[in-house]
């Protein structure tokens, strides 16, 4: 029996006399804890309740994160017909970590389910993206998200004739998700991983051999803290160390090294390379996402689903559509400021009491 302090998975290995198993092989011989098995049973009940058995018109938005891959593994094991019929929509923003693309291929091959990939319109490489839209560091973040994620995702949803959207969001990921409902009727959105914790995800991934991003296999040891807003920069004063396994399978001593580093960072999540940074092992995986930006979501989950019934019962259209009237209103202003879509929405909410 392999015992790791703080873990909820019991690992049991069986070998013939004289035979030996690698640590990776040993992880496959595991039983889920009763608590985690309860989460899996709850997942199965929610899938049976809300999804059509054939998976038709169902879309799962995957970024090939650990939670996303565990979802695919659960569907493959318990609902293979539904998995076969649904679409796994993946957006290549052309700013993904190379290890994310490798992980995606591993998941596709292991579970026999190809993703429906979309890229920003009319480009297929980073150089083409820069030529068409600009450098990501110089673009407004809302504009970057729209052209690299939201618009391609909208195209995918239309192609799939989407009825139900599935996400990999979990309640423990951030304060903004703490009250996440499993089923959002107005949006026709299912969040079957909502009750799973980060520990549940990595325990299941270890027990079932679910592919995870190889970027989890490194520690970044420092003599002093580095601000999160600077951890994306090149040539930082840290030492990148290969652990040979995901950081959660390593002991604290293995992560910190000898002598122990003052502070150590690891990648717990992977988005775009310019907005994702490593964090301390105890921090939320979302703590390393969207650094240098005043937001916690990219827009796929907030700008691509229907809003449901308007507050108050009736949607009020306040857009001035008459060109002459709009021109008159604008000419009467002392000063005008051009706003992008996100900024205009924020201003509208503020002046209307949001």
Protein backbone atom coordinates (compact mmCIF):
# COMPACT_ATOMS: atom_id res chain seq x y z
CA UNK A 1 0.00 0.00 0.00
CA UNK A 2 1.34 3.40 -0.99
CA UNK A 3 0.45 6.05 1.60
CA UNK A 4 0.76 9.77 0.92
CA UNK A 5 -0.10 12.18 3.77
CA UNK A 6 -3.11 14.38 3.16
CA UNK A 7 -4.50 12.35 0.27
CA UNK A 8 -7.94 10.75 0.09
CA UNK A 9 -7.11 7.97 -2.38
CA UNK A 10 -6.05 4.52 -1.19
CA UNK A 11 -3.47 3.10 -3.56
CA UNK A 12 -2.99 -0.66 -3.64
CA UNK A 13 -0.45 -2.27 -5.94
CA UNK A 14 -0.27 -5.96 -6.87
CA UNK A 15 2.75 -7.53 -8.47
CA UNK A 16 4.02 -11.02 -9.20
CA UNK A 17 7.13 -12.29 -7.40
CA UNK A 18 10.17 -10.56 -8.83
CA UNK A 19 8.09 -8.09 -10.82
CA UNK A 20 7.98 -4.36 -10.15
CA UNK A 21 5.69 -1.51 -11.15
CA UNK A 22 6.67 2.03 -11.91
CA UNK A 23 5.12 4.81 -9.78
CA UNK A 24 2.90 5.72 -12.73
CA UNK A 25 1.69 2.13 -13.08
CA UNK A 26 1.08 1.93 -9.33
CA UNK A 27 -1.29 4.89 -9.49
CA UNK A 28 -3.57 2.93 -11.78
CA UNK A 29 -4.18 0.34 -9.04
CA UNK A 30 -6.28 2.56 -6.83
CA UNK A 31 -9.68 2.69 -5.20
CA UNK A 32 -11.63 5.91 -4.80
CA UNK A 33 -12.34 7.07 -1.28
CA UNK A 34 -16.00 6.87 -0.17
CA UNK A 35 -16.24 10.68 -0.30
CA UNK A 36 -14.93 10.86 -3.84
CA UNK A 37 -17.08 7.93 -4.93
CA UNK A 38 -20.04 9.88 -3.61
CA UNK A 39 -19.08 12.81 -5.85
CA UNK A 40 -18.86 10.44 -8.83
CA UNK A 41 -22.27 8.99 -8.01
CA UNK A 42 -23.69 12.52 -7.82
CA UNK A 43 -22.11 13.32 -11.18
CA UNK A 44 -23.75 10.26 -12.73
CA UNK A 45 -27.14 11.28 -11.39
CA UNK A 46 -26.83 14.80 -12.79
CA UNK A 47 -25.79 13.55 -16.23
CA UNK A 48 -28.73 11.13 -16.32
CA UNK A 49 -31.12 13.89 -15.23
CA UNK A 50 -30.11 16.68 -17.57
CA UNK A 51 -28.45 15.21 -20.67
CA UNK A 52 -30.00 13.26 -23.56
CA UNK A 53 -28.70 9.71 -23.65
CA UNK A 54 -27.31 10.18 -27.16
CA UNK A 55 -25.49 13.43 -26.32
CA UNK A 56 -26.93 15.23 -29.34
CA UNK A 57 -26.87 19.04 -29.31
CA UNK A 58 -24.67 18.96 -26.21
CA UNK A 59 -21.44 20.94 -26.10
CA UNK A 60 -18.66 20.63 -23.53
CA UNK A 61 -16.30 23.59 -23.42
CA UNK A 62 -12.85 22.18 -22.74
CA UNK A 63 -9.54 23.93 -22.13
CA UNK A 64 -7.86 20.56 -21.45
CA UNK A 65 -7.41 21.43 -17.77
CA UNK A 66 -7.34 18.70 -15.14
CA UNK A 67 -11.04 19.15 -14.35
CA UNK A 68 -11.99 19.10 -18.03
CA UNK A 69 -10.03 15.91 -18.59
CA UNK A 70 -11.59 14.23 -15.56
CA UNK A 71 -15.01 15.09 -16.99
CA UNK A 72 -14.11 13.35 -20.26
CA UNK A 73 -12.78 10.35 -18.33
CA UNK A 74 -16.00 10.11 -16.30
CA UNK A 75 -18.14 10.32 -19.43
CA UNK A 76 -16.02 7.73 -21.21
CA UNK A 77 -16.37 5.32 -18.30
CA UNK A 78 -20.04 5.82 -17.42
CA UNK A 79 -21.72 7.42 -20.46
CA UNK A 80 -19.75 6.45 -23.58
CA UNK A 81 -22.75 6.87 -25.90
CA UNK A 82 -23.41 10.41 -24.69
CA UNK A 83 -19.72 11.27 -24.97
CA UNK A 84 -19.66 9.98 -28.52
CA UNK A 85 -22.68 12.08 -29.49
CA UNK A 86 -21.67 15.37 -27.89
CA UNK A 87 -19.10 17.89 -29.09
CA UNK A 88 -15.94 18.76 -27.18
CA UNK A 89 -15.33 22.34 -28.25
CA UNK A 90 -11.76 23.53 -27.90
CA UNK A 91 -10.47 26.99 -28.77
CA UNK A 92 -6.87 27.39 -29.89
CA UNK A 93 -6.28 31.05 -29.15
CA UNK A 94 -2.83 30.70 -30.75
CA UNK A 95 -1.49 31.78 -27.35
CA UNK A 96 -1.75 28.43 -25.56
CA UNK A 97 1.12 26.70 -23.80
CA UNK A 98 2.67 24.01 -26.04
CA UNK A 99 2.10 21.48 -23.23
CA UNK A 100 -1.64 22.19 -23.41
CA UNK A 101 -1.75 21.07 -27.03
CA UNK A 102 0.19 17.92 -26.15
CA UNK A 103 -2.22 17.16 -23.30
CA UNK A 104 -5.19 17.70 -25.63
CA UNK A 105 -3.84 15.10 -28.03
CA UNK A 106 -3.31 12.65 -25.17
CA UNK A 107 -6.91 13.04 -24.00
CA UNK A 108 -8.29 12.72 -27.53
CA UNK A 109 -6.33 9.53 -28.12
CA UNK A 110 -6.95 7.89 -24.73
CA UNK A 111 -10.71 8.38 -24.82
CA UNK A 112 -11.27 8.18 -28.57
CA UNK A 113 -12.98 11.55 -28.74
CA UNK A 114 -11.70 14.31 -31.00
CA UNK A 115 -12.24 17.92 -30.07
CA UNK A 116 -13.98 20.38 -32.37
CA UNK A 117 -11.19 22.95 -32.66
CA UNK A 118 -11.70 26.59 -33.57
CA UNK A 119 -9.20 29.42 -34.01
CA UNK A 120 -9.56 33.19 -34.29
CA UNK A 121 -11.18 34.14 -37.59
CA UNK A 122 -9.02 34.07 -40.72
CA UNK A 123 -5.72 33.20 -38.98
CA UNK A 124 -3.91 29.94 -38.26
CA UNK A 125 -0.65 31.01 -36.60
CA UNK A 126 0.59 33.47 -33.98
CA UNK A 127 2.31 35.56 -36.65
CA UNK A 128 -0.94 35.79 -38.61
CA UNK A 129 -2.82 36.72 -35.44
CA UNK A 130 -0.42 39.58 -34.71
CA UNK A 131 -0.65 40.82 -38.28
CA UNK A 132 -4.44 40.74 -38.26
CA UNK A 133 -5.28 41.79 -34.70
CA UNK A 134 -2.12 43.03 -33.00
CA UNK A 135 0.21 41.91 -30.24
CA UNK A 136 -1.60 40.45 -27.22
CA UNK A 137 0.36 42.74 -24.90
CA UNK A 138 -0.87 45.81 -26.75
CA UNK A 139 -4.50 44.77 -27.25
CA UNK A 140 -7.29 45.64 -24.85
CA UNK A 141 -7.97 42.46 -22.86
CA UNK A 142 -11.69 42.47 -23.75
CA UNK A 143 -10.86 42.80 -27.44
CA UNK A 144 -8.30 39.99 -27.19
CA UNK A 145 -10.79 37.72 -25.48
CA UNK A 146 -13.47 38.43 -28.04
CA UNK A 147 -11.39 37.71 -31.14
CA UNK A 148 -9.42 34.80 -29.67
CA UNK A 149 -12.09 33.05 -27.57
CA UNK A 150 -15.63 34.40 -27.65
CA UNK A 151 -16.13 34.76 -31.41
CA UNK A 152 -14.57 31.36 -32.24
CA UNK A 153 -16.67 29.75 -29.50
CA UNK A 154 -19.82 31.35 -30.86
CA UNK A 155 -19.02 29.90 -34.27
CA UNK A 156 -18.59 26.47 -32.71
CA UNK A 157 -21.89 26.67 -30.83
CA UNK A 158 -23.71 27.59 -34.03
CA UNK A 159 -22.06 24.73 -35.91
CA UNK A 160 -23.09 22.27 -33.19
CA UNK A 161 -26.65 23.57 -33.03
CA UNK A 162 -26.10 23.74 -29.29
CA UNK A 163 -28.97 23.10 -26.89
CA UNK A 164 -27.06 22.34 -23.67
CA UNK A 165 -23.65 23.72 -22.71
CA UNK A 166 -21.51 21.84 -20.19
CA UNK A 167 -18.69 23.55 -18.29
CA UNK A 168 -15.93 22.30 -16.01
CA UNK A 169 -16.45 25.08 -13.48
CA UNK A 170 -16.17 24.21 -9.79
CA UNK A 171 -17.38 26.07 -6.72
CA UNK A 172 -13.98 25.94 -5.00
CA UNK A 173 -12.14 27.68 -7.83
CA UNK A 174 -12.88 31.30 -6.89
CA UNK A 175 -15.26 33.51 -4.93
CA UNK A 176 -17.08 34.31 -8.18
CA UNK A 177 -18.05 30.63 -8.53
CA UNK A 178 -18.82 29.79 -4.90
CA UNK A 179 -22.60 29.74 -5.44
CA UNK A 180 -22.50 27.91 -8.75
CA UNK A 181 -25.65 25.94 -9.54
CA UNK A 182 -25.31 22.52 -11.13
CA UNK A 183 -28.10 23.34 -13.60
CA UNK A 184 -28.78 26.85 -14.92
CA UNK A 185 -32.15 26.62 -16.61
CA UNK A 186 -32.16 30.08 -18.17
CA UNK A 187 -28.81 29.42 -19.81
CA UNK A 188 -29.37 25.71 -20.48
CA UNK A 189 -25.98 25.18 -18.86
CA UNK A 190 -24.85 22.16 -16.83
CA UNK A 191 -21.98 22.40 -14.33
CA UNK A 192 -21.60 18.74 -13.29
CA UNK A 193 -18.18 19.28 -11.67
CA UNK A 194 -19.47 22.06 -9.40
CA UNK A 195 -19.19 20.09 -6.16
CA UNK A 196 -15.79 18.56 -6.92
CA UNK A 197 -12.78 20.07 -5.17
CA UNK A 198 -9.26 20.45 -6.53
CA UNK A 199 -8.28 17.52 -4.31
CA UNK A 200 -11.10 15.42 -5.78
CA UNK A 201 -9.87 16.18 -9.28
CA UNK A 202 -6.26 15.23 -8.75
CA UNK A 203 -7.24 12.16 -6.74
CA UNK A 204 -9.48 10.94 -9.55
CA UNK A 205 -6.85 11.77 -12.18
CA UNK A 206 -4.25 9.74 -10.28
CA UNK A 207 -6.58 6.83 -9.63
CA UNK A 208 -7.83 6.56 -13.22
CA UNK A 209 -4.69 7.58 -15.10
CA UNK A 210 -6.30 10.69 -16.57
CA UNK A 211 -3.84 12.69 -18.72
CA UNK A 212 -2.87 16.05 -17.23
CA UNK A 213 -0.72 18.90 -18.50
CA UNK A 214 3.00 18.12 -18.18
CA UNK A 215 3.50 21.71 -17.08
CA UNK A 216 2.33 20.53 -13.65
CA UNK A 217 5.61 18.62 -13.37
CA UNK A 218 7.82 21.60 -12.57
CA UNK A 219 8.67 23.67 -9.51
CA UNK A 220 9.98 27.23 -9.65
CA UNK A 221 12.23 27.86 -6.66
CA UNK A 222 13.00 31.41 -5.54
CA UNK A 223 14.96 33.18 -2.83
CA UNK A 224 12.25 35.83 -2.50
CA UNK A 225 8.63 36.28 -3.59
CA UNK A 226 7.95 37.51 -7.12
CA UNK A 227 4.85 39.59 -7.76
CA UNK A 228 2.18 37.73 -9.68
CA UNK A 229 2.03 40.55 -12.22
CA UNK A 230 5.69 39.91 -13.08
CA UNK A 231 5.82 36.12 -13.14
CA UNK A 232 5.11 36.02 -16.87
CA UNK A 233 8.34 37.85 -17.68
CA UNK A 234 11.42 36.10 -19.09
CA UNK A 235 14.68 35.56 -17.17
CA UNK A 236 13.14 35.68 -13.71
CA UNK A 237 15.31 34.94 -10.63
CA UNK A 238 14.01 31.44 -10.06
CA UNK A 239 15.22 27.93 -10.77
CA UNK A 240 12.91 25.73 -12.82
CA UNK A 241 13.17 22.15 -11.57
CA UNK A 242 11.66 19.06 -13.17
CA UNK A 243 9.90 16.94 -10.54
CA UNK A 244 9.32 13.98 -12.83
CA UNK A 245 5.65 13.86 -11.81
CA UNK A 246 2.76 16.27 -11.14
CA UNK A 247 3.62 18.51 -8.20
CA UNK A 248 0.75 17.12 -6.10
CA UNK A 249 2.42 13.70 -6.14
CA UNK A 250 5.63 15.21 -4.76
CA UNK A 251 6.42 15.80 -1.12
CA UNK A 252 7.01 19.31 0.18
CA UNK A 253 10.70 18.48 0.46
CA UNK A 254 10.81 17.40 -3.18
CA UNK A 255 9.10 20.62 -4.27
CA UNK A 256 11.26 22.95 -2.18
CA UNK A 257 14.57 21.14 -2.70
CA UNK A 258 17.67 20.99 -0.51
CA UNK A 259 18.29 23.39 1.10
CA UNK A 260 14.61 24.40 1.04
CA UNK A 261 13.80 27.31 -1.27
CA UNK A 262 12.34 30.37 0.43
CA UNK A 263 9.32 30.21 -1.85
CA UNK A 264 8.27 27.83 -4.60
CA UNK A 265 5.70 28.22 -7.36
CA UNK A 266 3.91 25.62 -9.49
CA UNK A 267 1.47 25.81 -12.39
CA UNK A 268 -1.98 24.74 -11.19
CA UNK A 269 -3.85 25.90 -14.30
CA UNK A 270 -3.11 26.79 -17.90
CA UNK A 271 -4.72 29.47 -20.05
CA UNK A 272 -2.94 31.83 -22.42
CA UNK A 273 0.78 32.13 -21.86
CA UNK A 274 0.68 35.91 -21.32
CA UNK A 275 -2.02 35.83 -18.63
CA UNK A 276 -1.17 32.63 -16.73
CA UNK A 277 1.52 32.37 -14.05
CA UNK A 278 2.59 29.80 -11.47
CA UNK A 279 1.32 30.15 -7.91
CA UNK A 280 2.19 28.71 -4.52
CA UNK A 281 0.97 25.12 -4.11
CA UNK A 282 -1.63 26.07 -1.49
CA UNK A 283 -3.22 28.80 -3.63
CA UNK A 284 -6.31 28.37 -5.79
CA UNK A 285 -5.60 27.41 -9.39
CA UNK A 286 -7.52 30.53 -10.47
CA UNK A 287 -5.02 32.72 -8.61
CA UNK A 288 -2.63 32.28 -11.51
CA UNK A 289 -5.13 33.16 -14.22
CA UNK A 290 -5.82 36.56 -15.81
CA UNK A 291 -2.99 38.26 -13.96
CA UNK A 292 -2.61 41.96 -14.75
CA UNK A 293 -6.31 42.02 -15.65
CA UNK A 294 -9.34 43.16 -13.66
CA UNK A 295 -11.39 40.02 -14.29
CA UNK A 296 -11.57 36.34 -13.46
CA UNK A 297 -13.27 34.93 -16.58
CA UNK A 298 -12.28 35.03 -20.25
CA UNK A 299 -15.82 35.54 -21.54
CA UNK A 300 -16.65 32.06 -22.83
CA UNK A 301 -18.83 31.38 -19.79
CA UNK A 302 -20.17 34.93 -19.49
CA UNK A 303 -20.61 36.18 -23.06
CA UNK A 304 -21.73 33.17 -25.08
CA UNK A 305 -24.85 31.91 -23.33
CA UNK A 306 -28.30 33.43 -23.13
CA UNK A 307 -28.87 35.70 -20.17
CA UNK A 308 -32.20 34.21 -19.13
CA UNK A 309 -35.15 36.30 -18.04
CA UNK A 310 -34.33 39.99 -17.43
CA UNK A 311 -34.48 41.34 -13.89
CA UNK A 312 -37.84 43.00 -13.38
CA UNK A 313 -39.54 40.88 -16.03
CA UNK A 314 -39.19 43.11 -19.10
CA UNK A 315 -36.04 43.99 -21.01
CA UNK A 316 -35.78 47.73 -21.71
CA UNK A 317 -34.04 48.67 -24.95
CA UNK A 318 -32.30 52.00 -24.32
CA UNK A 319 -30.16 52.03 -27.46
CA UNK A 320 -30.70 55.13 -29.60
CA UNK A 321 -31.14 53.73 -33.10
CA UNK A 322 -32.05 56.91 -34.98
CA UNK A 323 -28.83 58.27 -36.48
CA UNK A 324 -29.96 61.90 -36.38
CA UNK A 325 -30.99 61.66 -32.73
CA UNK A 326 -27.73 59.96 -31.83
CA UNK A 327 -25.76 62.68 -33.60
CA UNK A 328 -27.71 65.40 -31.78
CA UNK A 329 -27.10 63.78 -28.40
CA UNK A 330 -23.41 63.43 -29.14
CA UNK A 331 -23.04 67.05 -30.29
CA UNK A 332 -24.65 68.23 -27.05
CA UNK A 333 -21.96 66.54 -24.97
CA UNK A 334 -19.14 68.57 -23.46
CA UNK A 335 -16.75 65.64 -23.93
CA UNK A 336 -16.94 62.21 -25.60
CA UNK A 337 -14.97 59.09 -24.74
CA UNK A 338 -14.78 56.02 -26.94
CA UNK A 339 -15.38 52.80 -25.00
CA UNK A 340 -15.01 49.17 -25.99
CA UNK A 341 -17.85 46.70 -25.44
CA UNK A 342 -16.75 45.67 -21.94
CA UNK A 343 -16.20 49.25 -20.75
CA UNK A 344 -19.54 50.42 -22.12
CA UNK A 345 -21.29 47.59 -20.29
CA UNK A 346 -19.56 48.51 -17.02
CA UNK A 347 -20.52 52.18 -17.35
CA UNK A 348 -24.13 51.28 -18.14
CA UNK A 349 -24.32 49.08 -15.05
CA UNK A 350 -22.81 51.77 -12.81
CA UNK A 351 -25.09 54.60 -13.92
CA UNK A 352 -28.15 52.34 -13.58
CA UNK A 353 -27.46 51.24 -10.03
CA UNK A 354 -25.79 47.88 -10.55
